[in-house]
PDB file of N, CA and C in Angstrom:
ATOM      1  N   MET A   1     -36.548  58.316 -34.098  1.00  0.00           N
ATOM      2  CA  MET A   1     -35.625  58.947 -33.181  1.00  0.00           C
ATOM      3  C   MET A   1     -36.046  60.795 -33.566  1.00  0.00           C
ATOM      4  N   SER A   2     -36.158  61.274 -32.600  1.00  0.00           N
ATOM      5  CA  SER A   2     -36.666  62.670 -32.109  1.00  0.00           C
ATOM      6  C   SER A   2     -35.506  63.576 -32.320  1.00  0.00           C
ATOM      7  N   ASP A   3     -36.164  64.743 -33.251  1.00  0.00           N
ATOM      8  CA  ASP A   3     -34.671  65.882 -33.913  1.00  0.00           C
ATOM      9  C   ASP A   3     -34.117  66.165 -32.200  1.00  0.00           C
ATOM     10  N   VAL A   4     -35.053  66.382 -31.317  1.00  0.00           N
ATOM     11  CA  VAL A   4     -34.036  66.308 -30.339  1.00  0.00           C
ATOM     12  C   VAL A   4     -32.712  65.225 -29.596  1.00  0.00           C
ATOM     13  N   GLN A   5     -33.465  63.973 -29.785  1.00  0.00           N
ATOM     14  CA  GLN A   5     -32.508  63.212 -29.559  1.00  0.00           C
ATOM     15  C   GLN A   5     -31.295  63.088 -30.853  1.00  0.00           C
ATOM     16  N   LEU A   6     -31.639  63.536 -31.973  1.00  0.00           N
ATOM     17  CA  LEU A   6     -30.289  63.370 -33.001  1.00  0.00           C
ATOM     18  C   LEU A   6     -29.517  64.734 -32.401  1.00  0.00           C
ATOM     19  N   TYR A   7     -29.913  65.721 -32.038  1.00  0.00           N
ATOM     20  CA  TYR A   7     -29.278  66.904 -31.625  1.00  0.00           C
ATOM     21  C   TYR A   7     -28.397  66.389 -30.793  1.00  0.00           C
ATOM     22  N   ILE A   8     -28.811  65.699 -29.420  1.00  0.00           N
ATOM     23  CA  ILE A   8     -27.687  65.334 -28.424  1.00  0.00           C
ATOM     24  C   ILE A   8     -27.037  64.334 -28.849  1.00  0.00           C
ATOM     25  N   MET A   9     -26.984  63.415 -29.465  1.00  0.00           N
ATOM     26  CA  MET A   9     -25.984  62.157 -30.263  1.00  0.00           C
ATOM     27  C   MET A   9     -25.212  62.776 -31.141  1.00  0.00           C
ATOM     28  N   GLN A  10     -24.999  63.929 -31.360  1.00  0.00           N
ATOM     29  CA  GLN A  10     -24.046  64.920 -32.390  1.00  0.00           C
ATOM     30  C   GLN A  10     -22.753  65.010 -31.254  1.00  0.00           C
ATOM     31  N   PHE A  11     -22.577  64.878 -30.309  1.00  0.00           N
ATOM     32  CA  PHE A  11     -21.566  65.620 -29.219  1.00  0.00           C
ATOM     33  C   PHE A  11     -21.011  64.397 -28.549  1.00  0.00           C
ATOM     34  N   PRO A  12     -19.868  64.386 -28.236  1.00  0.00           N
ATOM     35  CA  PRO A  12     -19.376  63.440 -27.202  1.00  0.00           C
ATOM     36  C   PRO A  12     -19.876  62.940 -26.210  1.00  0.00           C
ATOM     37  N   SER A  13     -19.840  61.768 -25.555  1.00  0.00           N
ATOM     38  CA  SER A  13     -20.905  61.197 -24.469  1.00  0.00           C
ATOM     39  C   SER A  13     -21.028  62.091 -23.308  1.00  0.00           C
ATOM     40  N   ASN A  14     -19.791  62.702 -23.060  1.00  0.00           N
ATOM     41  CA  ASN A  14     -19.706  63.322 -21.195  1.00  0.00           C
ATOM     42  C   ASN A  14     -20.945  64.437 -22.005  1.00  0.00           C
ATOM     43  N   VAL A  15     -20.944  65.004 -23.083  1.00  0.00           N
ATOM     44  CA  VAL A  15     -21.614  66.030 -22.964  1.00  0.00           C
ATOM     45  C   VAL A  15     -23.337  65.701 -23.271  1.00  0.00           C
ATOM     46  N   GLN A  16     -23.518  64.662 -24.070  1.00  0.00           N
ATOM     47  CA  GLN A  16     -24.511  63.848 -24.133  1.00  0.00           C
ATOM     48  C   GLN A  16     -25.348  63.253 -22.721  1.00  0.00           C
ATOM     49  N   HIS A  17     -24.665  63.279 -21.832  1.00  0.00           N
ATOM     50  CA  HIS A  17     -24.917  62.884 -20.733  1.00  0.00           C
ATOM     51  C   HIS A  17     -25.512  63.765 -19.852  1.00  0.00           C
ATOM     52  N   ARG A  18     -24.731  65.261 -20.139  1.00  0.00           N
ATOM     53  CA  ARG A  18     -25.413  66.460 -19.686  1.00  0.00           C
ATOM     54  C   ARG A  18     -26.505  67.046 -20.214  1.00  0.00           C
ATOM     55  N   LEU A  19     -26.667  66.900 -21.639  1.00  0.00           N
ATOM     56  CA  LEU A  19     -27.769  67.128 -22.406  1.00  0.00           C
ATOM     57  C   LEU A  19     -29.261  66.369 -21.837  1.00  0.00           C
ATOM     58  N   HIS A  20     -28.543  65.035 -21.753  1.00  0.00           N
ATOM     59  CA  HIS A  20     -29.895  63.904 -20.974  1.00  0.00           C
ATOM     60  C   HIS A  20     -30.558  64.341 -20.023  1.00  0.00           C
ATOM     61  N   GLU A  21     -29.244  64.516 -19.093  1.00  0.00           N
ATOM     62  CA  GLU A  21     -30.390  64.908 -17.854  1.00  0.00           C
ATOM     63  C   GLU A  21     -30.748  66.661 -17.942  1.00  0.00           C
ATOM     64  N   ILE A  22     -30.662  67.605 -18.778  1.00  0.00           N
ATOM     65  CA  ILE A  22     -31.368  68.693 -18.635  1.00  0.00           C
ATOM     66  C   ILE A  22     -32.916  68.276 -19.557  1.00  0.00           C
ATOM     67  N   ARG A  23     -32.749  67.289 -20.380  1.00  0.00           N
ATOM     68  CA  ARG A  23     -34.002  66.955 -21.252  1.00  0.00           C
ATOM     69  C   ARG A  23     -34.889  66.123 -20.532  1.00  0.00           C
ATOM     70  N   GLN A  24     -34.127  64.737 -19.146  1.00  0.00           N
ATOM     71  CA  GLN A  24     -35.234  64.652 -18.568  1.00  0.00           C
ATOM     72  C   GLN A  24     -35.688  65.557 -17.325  1.00  0.00           C
ATOM     73  N   ILE A  25     -34.888  66.170 -16.809  1.00  0.00           N
ATOM     74  CA  ILE A  25     -35.511  66.973 -15.375  1.00  0.00           C
ATOM     75  C   ILE A  25     -36.394  67.944 -16.345  1.00  0.00           C
ATOM     76  N   GLY A  26     -36.522  68.800 -17.638  1.00  0.00           N
ATOM     77  CA  GLY A  26     -37.168  69.137 -18.496  1.00  0.00           C
ATOM     78  C   GLY A  26     -38.637  68.589 -18.630  1.00  0.00           C
ATOM     79  N   LEU A  27     -38.387  67.395 -18.804  1.00  0.00           N
ATOM     80  CA  LEU A  27     -39.484  66.482 -18.838  1.00  0.00           C
ATOM     81  C   LEU A  27     -40.453  66.138 -17.693  1.00  0.00           C
ATOM     82  N   SER A  28     -39.796  66.023 -16.876  1.00  0.00           N
ATOM     83  CA  SER A  28     -40.355  65.260 -15.454  1.00  0.00           C
ATOM     84  C   SER A  28     -41.195  67.077 -14.880  1.00  0.00           C
ATOM     85  N   VAL A  29     -40.209  68.068 -15.170  1.00  0.00           N
ATOM     86  CA  VAL A  29     -40.884  69.238 -14.401  1.00  0.00           C
ATOM     87  C   VAL A  29     -42.434  69.930 -15.538  1.00  0.00           C
ATOM     88  N   PHE A  30     -42.041  70.014 -16.949  1.00  0.00           N
ATOM     89  CA  PHE A  30     -43.143  70.381 -17.930  1.00  0.00           C
ATOM     90  C   PHE A  30     -43.540  69.293 -18.586  1.00  0.00           C
ATOM     91  N   SER A  31     -44.298  68.807 -17.600  1.00  0.00           N
ATOM     92  CA  SER A  31     -44.881  67.447 -18.143  1.00  0.00           C
ATOM     93  C   SER A  31     -46.364  67.819 -19.187  1.00  0.00           C
ATOM     94  N   ASN A  32     -46.303  68.834 -19.586  1.00  0.00           N
ATOM     95  CA  ASN A  32     -47.270  69.052 -20.668  1.00  0.00           C
ATOM     96  C   ASN A  32     -46.542  69.644 -21.640  1.00  0.00           C
ATOM     97  N   ALA A  33     -45.304  69.827 -22.032  1.00  0.00           N
ATOM     98  CA  ALA A  33     -44.471  70.518 -22.796  1.00  0.00           C
ATOM     99  C   ALA A  33     -44.222  69.589 -24.257  1.00  0.00           C
ATOM    100  N   GLU A  34     -43.695  70.265 -25.243  1.00  0.00           N
ATOM    101  CA  GLU A  34     -43.895  69.697 -26.729  1.00  0.00           C
ATOM    102  C   GLU A  34     -42.422  69.974 -26.687  1.00  0.00           C
ATOM    103  N   GLU A  35     -41.435  68.840 -27.096  1.00  0.00           N
ATOM    104  CA  GLU A  35     -39.951  68.968 -27.352  1.00  0.00           C
ATOM    105  C   GLU A  35     -39.872  69.188 -28.678  1.00  0.00           C
ATOM    106  N   LYS A  36     -38.850  70.318 -29.213  1.00  0.00           N
ATOM    107  CA  LYS A  36     -38.782  70.334 -30.624  1.00  0.00           C
ATOM    108  C   LYS A  36     -37.544  70.812 -30.917  1.00  0.00           C
ATOM    109  N   ILE A  37     -36.887  71.275 -31.958  1.00  0.00           N
ATOM    110  CA  ILE A  37     -35.502  72.219 -32.334  1.00  0.00           C
ATOM    111  C   ILE A  37     -36.143  73.569 -32.405  1.00  0.00           C
ATOM    112  N   TYR A  38     -35.576  74.317 -31.602  1.00  0.00           N
ATOM    113  CA  TYR A  38     -36.547  75.857 -32.225  1.00  0.00           C
ATOM    114  C   TYR A  38     -35.016  76.590 -31.859  1.00  0.00           C
ATOM    115  N   HIS A  39     -34.901  77.475 -32.749  1.00  0.00           N
ATOM    116  CA  HIS A  39     -33.838  78.566 -32.827  1.00  0.00           C
ATOM    117  C   HIS A  39     -32.535  77.540 -32.883  1.00  0.00           C
ATOM    118  N   ARG A  40     -32.433  76.195 -33.516  1.00  0.00           N
ATOM    119  CA  ARG A  40     -31.128  75.302 -33.405  1.00  0.00           C
ATOM    120  C   ARG A  40     -30.891  74.394 -32.465  1.00  0.00           C
ATOM    121  N   VAL A  41     -31.591  74.599 -31.229  1.00  0.00           N
ATOM    122  CA  VAL A  41     -31.340  73.997 -29.981  1.00  0.00           C
ATOM    123  C   VAL A  41     -32.641  73.590 -29.535  1.00  0.00           C
ATOM    124  N   PRO A  42     -32.477  72.443 -28.496  1.00  0.00           N
ATOM    125  CA  PRO A  42     -33.357  71.900 -28.007  1.00  0.00           C
ATOM    126  C   PRO A  42     -34.522  73.007 -26.873  1.00  0.00           C
ATOM    127  N   THR A  43     -35.690  72.399 -27.271  1.00  0.00           N
ATOM    128  CA  THR A  43     -36.520  73.774 -26.616  1.00  0.00           C
ATOM    129  C   THR A  43     -37.799  73.184 -25.769  1.00  0.00           C
ATOM    130  N   PHE A  44     -38.333  73.163 -24.842  1.00  0.00           N
ATOM    131  CA  PHE A  44     -39.449  73.087 -24.583  1.00  0.00           C
ATOM    132  C   PHE A  44     -40.532  73.866 -25.061  1.00  0.00           C
ATOM    133  N   MET A  45     -41.773  73.757 -25.460  1.00  0.00           N
ATOM    134  CA  MET A  45     -42.827  74.580 -25.857  1.00  0.00           C
ATOM    135  C   MET A  45     -44.086  74.439 -24.775  1.00  0.00           C
ATOM    136  N   ILE A  46     -44.593  75.207 -24.761  1.00  0.00           N
ATOM    137  CA  ILE A  46     -45.907  75.026 -23.967  1.00  0.00           C
ATOM    138  C   ILE A  46     -46.742  75.824 -24.408  1.00  0.00           C
ATOM    139  N   GLN A  47     -47.825  75.255 -25.212  1.00  0.00           N
ATOM    140  CA  GLN A  47     -48.931  76.303 -25.923  1.00  0.00           C
ATOM    141  C   GLN A  47     -48.433  77.171 -27.061  1.00  0.00           C
ATOM    142  N   GLY A  48     -47.259  76.649 -27.511  1.00  0.00           N
ATOM    143  CA  GLY A  48     -46.551  77.598 -28.559  1.00  0.00           C
ATOM    144  C   GLY A  48     -45.722  78.736 -28.205  1.00  0.00           C
ATOM    145  N   LYS A  49     -45.421  78.522 -26.929  1.00  0.00           N
ATOM    146  CA  LYS A  49     -44.187  79.556 -26.204  1.00  0.00           C
ATOM    147  C   LYS A  49     -43.268  78.645 -25.837  1.00  0.00           C
ATOM    148  N   ASP A  50     -41.857  79.251 -26.264  1.00  0.00           N
ATOM    149  CA  ASP A  50     -40.982  78.605 -25.707  1.00  0.00           C
ATOM    150  C   ASP A  50     -40.592  78.805 -24.336  1.00  0.00           C
ATOM    151  N   ILE A  51     -40.071  77.740 -23.595  1.00  0.00           N
ATOM    152  CA  ILE A  51     -39.910  78.067 -21.948  1.00  0.00           C
ATOM    153  C   ILE A  51     -38.427  77.705 -21.640  1.00  0.00           C
ATOM    154  N   LEU A  52     -37.938  76.912 -22.124  1.00  0.00           N
ATOM    155  CA  LEU A  52     -36.358  76.437 -22.104  1.00  0.00           C
ATOM    156  C   LEU A  52     -35.776  76.198 -23.289  1.00  0.00           C
ATOM    157  N   ASN A  53     -34.749  76.885 -23.284  1.00  0.00           N
ATOM    158  CA  ASN A  53     -33.849  76.059 -24.916  1.00  0.00           C
ATOM    159  C   ASN A  53     -32.654  76.187 -24.218  1.00  0.00           C
ATOM    160  N   TYR A  54     -31.939  75.102 -24.492  1.00  0.00           N
ATOM    161  CA  TYR A  54     -30.720  74.523 -24.156  1.00  0.00           C
ATOM    162  C   TYR A  54     -29.633  73.984 -25.359  1.00  0.00           C
ATOM    163  N   GLY A  55     -28.661  74.273 -25.178  1.00  0.00           N
ATOM    164  CA  GLY A  55     -27.537  73.862 -26.573  1.00  0.00           C
ATOM    165  C   GLY A  55     -26.494  73.638 -25.673  1.00  0.00           C
ATOM    166  N   ALA A  56     -25.492  72.914 -26.695  1.00  0.00           N
ATOM    167  CA  ALA A  56     -24.221  72.332 -26.450  1.00  0.00           C
ATOM    168  C   ALA A  56     -22.920  72.974 -27.053  1.00  0.00           C
ATOM    169  N   TYR A  57     -21.867  73.988 -26.596  1.00  0.00           N
ATOM    170  CA  TYR A  57     -20.827  74.067 -26.989  1.00  0.00           C
ATOM    171  C   TYR A  57     -19.551  73.695 -26.787  1.00  0.00           C
ATOM    172  N   LYS A  58     -18.616  74.173 -27.365  1.00  0.00           N
ATOM    173  CA  LYS A  58     -17.132  73.471 -26.997  1.00  0.00           C
ATOM    174  C   LYS A  58     -17.121  73.396 -25.359  1.00  0.00           C
ATOM    175  N   ASP A  59     -16.940  74.432 -24.966  1.00  0.00           N
ATOM    176  CA  ASP A  59     -16.363  74.432 -23.543  1.00  0.00           C
ATOM    177  C   ASP A  59     -17.870  74.495 -22.289  1.00  0.00           C
ATOM    178  N   HIS A  60     -19.172  74.659 -22.823  1.00  0.00           N
ATOM    179  CA  HIS A  60     -20.532  74.701 -21.748  1.00  0.00           C
ATOM    180  C   HIS A  60     -21.282  74.234 -22.617  1.00  0.00           C
ATOM    181  N   ILE A  61     -22.360  74.395 -21.708  1.00  0.00           N
ATOM    182  CA  ILE A  61     -23.982  73.818 -22.238  1.00  0.00           C
ATOM    183  C   ILE A  61     -24.631  75.294 -21.682  1.00  0.00           C
ATOM    184  N   THR A  62     -25.333  75.914 -22.693  1.00  0.00           N
ATOM    185  CA  THR A  62     -25.969  77.040 -22.512  1.00  0.00           C
ATOM    186  C   THR A  62     -27.339  76.690 -22.264  1.00  0.00           C
ATOM    187  N   LEU A  63     -28.028  77.476 -21.048  1.00  0.00           N
ATOM    188  CA  LEU A  63     -29.443  77.232 -20.990  1.00  0.00           C
ATOM    189  C   LEU A  63     -29.627  78.896 -21.212  1.00  0.00           C
ATOM    190  N   TYR A  64     -31.031  78.763 -21.749  1.00  0.00           N
ATOM    191  CA  TYR A  64     -31.916  79.850 -22.184  1.00  0.00           C
ATOM    192  C   TYR A  64     -33.206  80.270 -21.824  1.00  0.00           C
ATOM    193  N   PRO A  65     -33.169  80.427 -20.480  1.00  0.00           N
ATOM    194  CA  PRO A  65     -34.345  80.830 -19.506  1.00  0.00           C
ATOM    195  C   PRO A  65     -35.227  81.719 -19.969  1.00  0.00           C
ATOM    196  N   GLY A  66     -34.706  82.882 -20.753  1.00  0.00           N
ATOM    197  CA  GLY A  66     -35.333  84.530 -20.763  1.00  0.00           C
ATOM    198  C   GLY A  66     -34.525  85.146 -19.969  1.00  0.00           C
ATOM    199  N   CYS A  67     -34.543  86.470 -20.460  1.00  0.00           N
ATOM    200  CA  CYS A  67     -34.206  87.914 -20.210  1.00  0.00           C
ATOM    201  C   CYS A  67     -34.129  87.804 -18.675  1.00  0.00           C
ATOM    202  N   ASN A  68     -35.641  88.142 -18.178  1.00  0.00           N
ATOM    203  CA  ASN A  68     -35.978  88.132 -17.008  1.00  0.00           C
ATOM    204  C   ASN A  68     -35.493  87.012 -16.257  1.00  0.00           C
ATOM    205  N   MET A  69     -35.489  85.621 -15.997  1.00  0.00           N
ATOM    206  CA  MET A  69     -34.857  84.512 -15.069  1.00  0.00           C
ATOM    207  C   MET A  69     -33.690  84.701 -15.260  1.00  0.00           C
ATOM    208  N   THR A  70     -32.868  84.685 -16.380  1.00  0.00           N
ATOM    209  CA  THR A  70     -31.063  85.415 -16.360  1.00  0.00           C
ATOM    210  C   THR A  70     -30.811  86.304 -15.594  1.00  0.00           C
ATOM    211  N   ASP A  71     -31.423  87.602 -15.707  1.00  0.00           N
ATOM    212  CA  ASP A  71     -31.028  88.372 -14.451  1.00  0.00           C
ATOM    213  C   ASP A  71     -31.461  88.160 -13.294  1.00  0.00           C
ATOM    214  N   PHE A  72     -32.304  87.626 -12.843  1.00  0.00           N
ATOM    215  CA  PHE A  72     -32.772  86.954 -11.098  1.00  0.00           C
ATOM    216  C   PHE A  72     -31.606  85.893 -11.306  1.00  0.00           C
ATOM    217  N   LEU A  73     -31.321  84.982 -11.934  1.00  0.00           N
ATOM    218  CA  LEU A  73     -29.866  84.036 -11.857  1.00  0.00           C
ATOM    219  C   LEU A  73     -28.604  84.829 -11.587  1.00  0.00           C
ATOM    220  N   LYS A  74     -28.580  85.646 -12.331  1.00  0.00           N
ATOM    221  CA  LYS A  74     -26.865  86.407 -12.107  1.00  0.00           C
ATOM    222  C   LYS A  74     -26.891  86.587 -10.511  1.00  0.00           C
ATOM    223  N   ARG A  75     -28.058  87.251  -9.876  1.00  0.00           N
ATOM    224  CA  ARG A  75     -27.708  87.895  -8.608  1.00  0.00           C
ATOM    225  C   ARG A  75     -27.798  86.763  -7.505  1.00  0.00           C
ATOM    226  N   ILE A  76     -28.352  85.506  -7.941  1.00  0.00           N
ATOM    227  CA  ILE A  76     -28.155  84.306  -7.110  1.00  0.00           C
ATOM    228  C   ILE A  76     -26.976  83.668  -7.036  1.00  0.00           C
ATOM    229  N   TYR A  77     -26.719  83.453  -8.592  1.00  0.00           N
ATOM    230  CA  TYR A  77     -25.433  82.506  -8.773  1.00  0.00           C
ATOM    231  C   TYR A  77     -24.533  83.061  -9.422  1.00  0.00           C
ATOM    232  N   PRO A  78     -23.659  84.436  -9.132  1.00  0.00           N
ATOM    233  CA  PRO A  78     -22.592  85.009  -9.701  1.00  0.00           C
ATOM    234  C   PRO A  78     -21.636  84.039 -10.016  1.00  0.00           C
ATOM    235  N   GLN A  79     -21.247  82.910  -9.468  1.00  0.00           N
ATOM    236  CA  GLN A  79     -20.406  82.265  -9.959  1.00  0.00           C
ATOM    237  C   GLN A  79     -20.475  81.702 -11.436  1.00  0.00           C
ATOM    238  N   TYR A  80     -21.576  81.685 -12.281  1.00  0.00           N
ATOM    239  CA  TYR A  80     -21.848  81.563 -13.611  1.00  0.00           C
ATOM    240  C   TYR A  80     -21.352  82.431 -14.815  1.00  0.00           C
ATOM    241  N   HIS A  81     -21.002  82.167 -15.898  1.00  0.00           N
ATOM    242  CA  HIS A  81     -21.061  83.105 -16.737  1.00  0.00           C
ATOM    243  C   HIS A  81     -22.571  83.573 -17.477  1.00  0.00           C
ATOM    244  N   TYR A  82     -22.974  84.397 -17.604  1.00  0.00           N
ATOM    245  CA  TYR A  82     -24.164  84.817 -18.564  1.00  0.00           C
ATOM    246  C   TYR A  82     -23.976  85.738 -19.863  1.00  0.00           C
ATOM    247  N   THR A  83     -24.728  85.899 -20.283  1.00  0.00           N
ATOM    248  CA  THR A  83     -24.892  86.605 -21.714  1.00  0.00           C
ATOM    249  C   THR A  83     -26.519  87.121 -21.501  1.00  0.00           C
ATOM    250  N   LYS A  84     -26.475  88.083 -22.200  1.00  0.00           N
ATOM    251  CA  LYS A  84     -27.832  88.837 -21.924  1.00  0.00           C
ATOM    252  C   LYS A  84     -28.895  88.081 -21.242  1.00  0.00           C
ATOM    253  N   CYS A  85     -29.391  87.081 -21.859  1.00  0.00           N
ATOM    254  CA  CYS A  85     -30.375  86.477 -21.715  1.00  0.00           C
ATOM    255  C   CYS A  85     -30.333  84.700 -21.611  1.00  0.00           C
ATOM    256  N   ALA A  86     -29.100  84.149 -21.325  1.00  0.00           N
ATOM    257  CA  ALA A  86     -28.514  83.088 -21.259  1.00  0.00           C
ATOM    258  C   ALA A  86     -27.576  82.820 -20.000  1.00  0.00           C
ATOM    259  N   MET A  87     -27.662  81.398 -19.610  1.00  0.00           N
ATOM    260  CA  MET A  87     -26.534  81.319 -18.594  1.00  0.00           C
ATOM    261  C   MET A  87     -25.506  79.735 -19.256  1.00  0.00           C
ATOM    262  N   GLN A  88     -24.651  80.213 -18.576  1.00  0.00           N
ATOM    263  CA  GLN A  88     -23.434  79.099 -19.340  1.00  0.00           C
ATOM    264  C   GLN A  88     -23.200  78.269 -18.183  1.00  0.00           C
ATOM    265  N   LEU A  89     -23.186  76.655 -18.400  1.00  0.00           N
ATOM    266  CA  LEU A  89     -22.659  75.539 -17.261  1.00  0.00           C
ATOM    267  C   LEU A  89     -21.388  75.122 -17.719  1.00  0.00           C
ATOM    268  N   PRO A  90     -20.328  75.552 -17.357  1.00  0.00           N
ATOM    269  CA  PRO A  90     -18.835  75.025 -18.222  1.00  0.00           C
ATOM    270  C   PRO A  90     -18.971  73.322 -18.002  1.00  0.00           C
ATOM    271  N   HIS A  91     -18.599  72.413 -18.859  1.00  0.00           N
ATOM    272  CA  HIS A  91     -18.166  71.277 -18.938  1.00  0.00           C
ATOM    273  C   HIS A  91     -17.015  70.942 -17.739  1.00  0.00           C
ATOM    274  N   ALA A  92     -16.198  71.735 -17.740  1.00  0.00           N
ATOM    275  CA  ALA A  92     -15.503  71.792 -16.356  1.00  0.00           C
ATOM    276  C   ALA A  92     -15.392  71.677 -14.839  1.00  0.00           C
ATOM    277  N   ASP A  93     -16.810  71.951 -14.994  1.00  0.00           N
ATOM    278  CA  ASP A  93     -17.019  72.022 -13.719  1.00  0.00           C
ATOM    279  C   ASP A  93     -18.397  70.650 -13.593  1.00  0.00           C
ATOM    280  N   PRO A  94     -18.233  70.263 -11.973  1.00  0.00           N
ATOM    281  CA  PRO A  94     -19.517  69.000 -12.281  1.00  0.00           C
ATOM    282  C   PRO A  94     -20.888  69.452 -12.305  1.00  0.00           C
ATOM    283  N   PHE A  95     -22.018  68.743 -13.216  1.00  0.00           N
ATOM    284  CA  PHE A  95     -23.322  69.121 -13.292  1.00  0.00           C
ATOM    285  C   PHE A  95     -23.914  69.575 -12.498  1.00  0.00           C
ATOM    286  N   PRO A  96     -24.711  70.868 -12.273  1.00  0.00           N
ATOM    287  CA  PRO A  96     -25.624  71.032 -11.250  1.00  0.00           C
ATOM    288  C   PRO A  96     -27.311  70.900 -11.733  1.00  0.00           C
ATOM    289  N   SER A  97     -27.567  69.564 -11.610  1.00  0.00           N
ATOM    290  CA  SER A  97     -28.731  68.996 -11.380  1.00  0.00           C
ATOM    291  C   SER A  97     -29.621  69.651 -10.926  1.00  0.00           C
ATOM    292  N   GLU A  98     -29.088  70.237  -9.454  1.00  0.00           N
ATOM    293  CA  GLU A  98     -30.336  70.847  -8.804  1.00  0.00           C
ATOM    294  C   GLU A  98     -30.252  72.158  -9.091  1.00  0.00           C
ATOM    295  N   LEU A  99     -29.838  72.857  -9.513  1.00  0.00           N
ATOM    296  CA  LEU A  99     -30.140  74.010 -10.280  1.00  0.00           C
ATOM    297  C   LEU A  99     -30.766  74.255 -11.561  1.00  0.00           C
ATOM    298  N   VAL A 100     -30.527  73.184 -12.241  1.00  0.00           N
ATOM    299  CA  VAL A 100     -31.358  73.167 -13.500  1.00  0.00           C
ATOM    300  C   VAL A 100     -32.574  72.762 -13.321  1.00  0.00           C
ATOM    301  N   HIS A 101     -32.876  71.603 -12.051  1.00  0.00           N
ATOM    302  CA  HIS A 101     -34.058  71.482 -11.856  1.00  0.00           C
ATOM    303  C   HIS A 101     -34.938  72.683 -11.282  1.00  0.00           C
ATOM    304  N   GLU A 102     -34.262  73.765 -10.124  1.00  0.00           N
ATOM    305  CA  GLU A 102     -34.722  74.578  -9.510  1.00  0.00           C
ATOM    306  C   GLU A 102     -35.012  75.876 -10.905  1.00  0.00           C
ATOM    307  N   ILE A 103     -34.313  75.959 -11.927  1.00  0.00           N
ATOM    308  CA  ILE A 103     -34.841  76.715 -12.916  1.00  0.00           C
ATOM    309  C   ILE A 103     -35.888  76.384 -13.631  1.00  0.00           C
ATOM    310  N   CYS A 104     -36.113  75.154 -13.714  1.00  0.00           N
ATOM    311  CA  CYS A 104     -37.049  74.478 -14.611  1.00  0.00           C
ATOM    312  C   CYS A 104     -38.466  74.511 -13.688  1.00  0.00           C
ATOM    313  N   GLU A 105     -38.421  74.529 -12.115  1.00  0.00           N
ATOM    314  CA  GLU A 105     -39.269  74.490 -11.433  1.00  0.00           C
ATOM    315  C   GLU A 105     -39.809  76.157 -11.659  1.00  0.00           C
ATOM    316  N   LEU A 106     -38.876  77.241 -11.229  1.00  0.00           N
ATOM    317  CA  LEU A 106     -39.540  78.430 -11.390  1.00  0.00           C
ATOM    318  C   LEU A 106     -40.133  79.016 -12.855  1.00  0.00           C
ATOM    319  N   LEU A 107     -39.416  78.570 -14.063  1.00  0.00           N
ATOM    320  CA  LEU A 107     -40.211  78.861 -15.224  1.00  0.00           C
ATOM    321  C   LEU A 107     -41.595  78.129 -15.286  1.00  0.00           C
ATOM    322  N   ALA A 108     -41.680  76.967 -14.933  1.00  0.00           N
ATOM    323  CA  ALA A 108     -42.788  76.385 -14.599  1.00  0.00           C
ATOM    324  C   ALA A 108     -43.886  77.103 -13.903  1.00  0.00           C
ATOM    325  N   TYR A 109     -43.528  77.882 -12.901  1.00  0.00           N
ATOM    326  CA  TYR A 109     -44.602  78.554 -12.441  1.00  0.00           C
ATOM    327  C   TYR A 109     -44.625  80.139 -12.546  1.00  0.00           C
ATOM    328  N   GLY A 110     -44.510  80.280 -14.008  1.00  0.00           N
ATOM    329  CA  GLY A 110     -44.464  81.477 -14.776  1.00  0.00           C
ATOM    330  C   GLY A 110     -43.492  82.431 -14.522  1.00  0.00           C
ATOM    331  N   MET A 111     -42.110  82.340 -14.236  1.00  0.00           N
ATOM    332  CA  MET A 111     -41.006  83.371 -13.893  1.00  0.00           C
ATOM    333  C   MET A 111     -39.849  83.779 -15.181  1.00  0.00           C
ATOM    334  N   ARG A 112     -40.944  83.276 -16.174  1.00  0.00           N
ATOM    335  CA  ARG A 112     -39.944  83.714 -17.412  1.00  0.00           C
ATOM    336  C   ARG A 112     -39.960  85.110 -17.642  1.00  0.00           C
TER     337      ARG A 112
END
């Protein structure tokens, strides 16, 4: 079992489901990525560079797509809470699979 799978397994099943969705979307978009735990959260790495980090917390999942992407997302999706370089997806809301896919696609095409 990989370190990423072990990370996911430590959370309740509803959170695991969300983390698995992010993982599957990322694996499909970042076909040449390596998965690892980096900065204590699952990360997609391409050629030694972290492309997308994601982690689970009590009330939300946080995506760490980089500061430039976060600034871009704040303008398009103001309904989410953001920190300097991260976007929070509340557990109380339906999981935005299409949004996660869109973010991964943008990152895959170099918008980090």
